[in-house]
């Protein structure tokens, strides 16, 4: 099982970032964090890197259910979604597969929540 799912989109980086944010919003996710990896690597290491953002996406009602089921599940939140531009200029959007990331967790309630979030993330990615 892969730990992510992704889609190459036919837009530029900025448009893909905007579209991904809107698609996630349509599925009930808010963006809690947005890490500009390119800028961070430049600032911290003086290293050049391609456009790459990590979005910390959270669906509050589902996150609340997960936290009630297991108070340590916060170590795995929020769900990361990346938008990156490859060297060939293609732009890809990828999301963590929460089912794969929760394989080590033995809690039936969390398993069903992971499946619910997987479907929402997949739907958001597929609409791009």
Protein backbone atom coordinates (compact mmCIF):
# COMPACT_ATOMS: atom_id res chain seq x y z
CA UNK A 1 0.00 0.00 0.00
CA UNK A 2 1.35 3.42 -0.92
CA UNK A 3 1.52 6.05 1.81
CA UNK A 4 0.11 8.78 -0.45
CA UNK A 5 -2.00 9.45 -3.51
CA UNK A 6 -1.28 12.15 -6.05
CA UNK A 7 -2.23 13.81 -9.28
CA UNK A 8 -0.28 15.80 -11.82
CA UNK A 9 -2.28 18.90 -12.70
CA UNK A 10 -2.21 20.97 -15.86
CA UNK A 11 -1.78 24.36 -14.18
CA UNK A 12 1.08 26.41 -12.85
CA UNK A 13 2.23 26.12 -9.25
CA UNK A 14 0.32 29.10 -7.82
CA UNK A 15 -2.95 28.05 -9.47
CA UNK A 16 -2.48 24.46 -8.25
CA UNK A 17 -1.93 25.74 -4.71
CA UNK A 18 -5.08 27.85 -4.90
CA UNK A 19 -7.11 25.02 -6.47
CA UNK A 20 -5.89 22.46 -3.92
CA UNK A 21 -6.83 24.77 -1.05
CA UNK A 22 -10.32 25.28 -2.51
CA UNK A 23 -10.80 21.55 -3.21
CA UNK A 24 -9.85 20.73 0.37
CA UNK A 25 -12.19 23.43 1.65
CA UNK A 26 -15.04 21.89 -0.36
CA UNK A 27 -14.43 18.62 1.52
CA UNK A 28 -14.51 20.33 4.93
CA UNK A 29 -10.78 20.88 5.45
CA UNK A 30 -9.17 24.05 6.63
CA UNK A 31 -5.49 24.78 6.14
CA UNK A 32 -3.88 25.12 9.57
CA UNK A 33 -0.32 25.46 8.32
CA UNK A 34 1.40 26.22 5.05
CA UNK A 35 5.13 25.59 4.92
CA UNK A 36 7.07 27.09 2.04
CA UNK A 37 9.83 24.48 1.81
CA UNK A 38 11.69 26.39 -0.91
CA UNK A 39 11.89 29.57 1.20
CA UNK A 40 12.75 27.67 4.38
CA UNK A 41 15.61 25.76 2.75
CA UNK A 42 16.93 28.98 1.24
CA UNK A 43 16.77 30.80 4.57
CA UNK A 44 18.14 28.00 6.76
CA UNK A 45 20.64 26.32 4.41
CA UNK A 46 21.08 28.79 1.56
CA UNK A 47 19.97 25.86 -0.63
CA UNK A 48 17.99 26.28 -3.82
CA UNK A 49 14.91 24.10 -4.21
CA UNK A 50 11.94 23.92 -6.53
CA UNK A 51 8.54 25.38 -5.53
CA UNK A 52 7.21 23.05 -2.81
CA UNK A 53 4.54 23.74 -0.17
CA UNK A 54 3.28 21.53 2.62
CA UNK A 55 -0.32 22.21 3.62
CA UNK A 56 -1.49 21.04 7.03
CA UNK A 57 -5.13 20.18 6.31
CA UNK A 58 -7.65 19.55 9.08
CA UNK A 59 -11.31 18.60 9.03
CA UNK A 60 -12.34 19.85 12.51
CA UNK A 61 -15.40 17.61 13.14
CA UNK A 62 -13.50 14.48 12.12
CA UNK A 63 -10.36 15.52 14.01
CA UNK A 64 -12.54 15.99 17.11
CA UNK A 65 -13.96 12.46 16.71
CA UNK A 66 -10.45 11.07 16.31
CA UNK A 67 -9.17 12.86 19.42
CA UNK A 68 -12.11 11.53 21.44
CA UNK A 69 -11.29 8.01 20.24
CA UNK A 70 -7.57 8.29 21.07
CA UNK A 71 -5.97 11.29 22.76
CA UNK A 72 -2.53 10.51 21.26
CA UNK A 73 -3.79 10.67 17.66
CA UNK A 74 -2.84 14.34 17.64
CA UNK A 75 0.69 13.13 16.92
CA UNK A 76 -0.56 12.27 13.43
CA UNK A 77 -2.55 15.45 12.78
CA UNK A 78 -3.05 17.41 10.61
CA UNK A 79 -3.09 15.58 7.27
CA UNK A 80 -0.28 16.77 5.03
CA UNK A 81 -0.92 17.70 1.42
CA UNK A 82 1.93 18.83 -0.81
CA UNK A 83 2.00 20.94 -3.94
CA UNK A 84 5.27 20.74 -5.81
CA UNK A 85 6.68 21.77 -9.15
CA UNK A 86 9.05 19.22 -10.62
CA UNK A 87 12.13 20.15 -12.62
CA UNK A 88 10.24 19.45 -15.86
CA UNK A 89 7.74 22.16 -14.73
CA UNK A 90 4.92 19.65 -14.12
CA UNK A 91 2.97 20.40 -10.95
CA UNK A 92 1.85 17.60 -8.65
CA UNK A 93 -0.52 17.59 -5.70
CA UNK A 94 -0.18 14.70 -3.25
CA UNK A 95 -1.87 13.81 0.03
CA UNK A 96 -1.03 11.42 2.82
CA UNK A 97 -3.13 8.26 2.85
CA UNK A 98 -4.43 8.27 6.43
CA UNK A 99 -5.30 4.57 6.25
CA UNK A 100 -1.67 3.71 5.47
CA UNK A 101 -0.34 6.08 8.13
CA UNK A 102 -2.60 4.55 10.79
CA UNK A 103 -1.66 0.92 10.19
CA UNK A 104 0.22 0.85 13.49
CA UNK A 105 -2.81 2.11 15.42
CA UNK A 106 -5.06 -0.64 16.72
CA UNK A 107 -8.35 1.12 17.25
CA UNK A 108 -11.40 0.17 15.17
CA UNK A 109 -12.99 3.58 15.65
CA UNK A 110 -9.86 5.30 14.28
CA UNK A 111 -9.75 2.87 11.37
CA UNK A 112 -13.20 3.96 10.22
CA UNK A 113 -12.25 7.63 10.71
CA UNK A 114 -9.10 7.11 8.61
CA UNK A 115 -11.22 5.62 5.82
CA UNK A 116 -13.60 8.58 6.00
CA UNK A 117 -10.74 11.08 5.72
CA UNK A 118 -9.09 9.07 2.95
CA UNK A 119 -12.24 9.38 0.83
CA UNK A 120 -12.45 13.13 1.45
CA UNK A 121 -8.79 13.69 0.57
CA UNK A 122 -9.04 11.48 -2.53
CA UNK A 123 -12.11 13.36 -3.70
CA UNK A 124 -10.34 16.69 -3.24
CA UNK A 125 -7.30 15.51 -5.22
CA UNK A 126 -9.42 13.92 -7.96
CA UNK A 127 -11.31 17.18 -8.58
CA UNK A 128 -8.11 19.01 -9.51
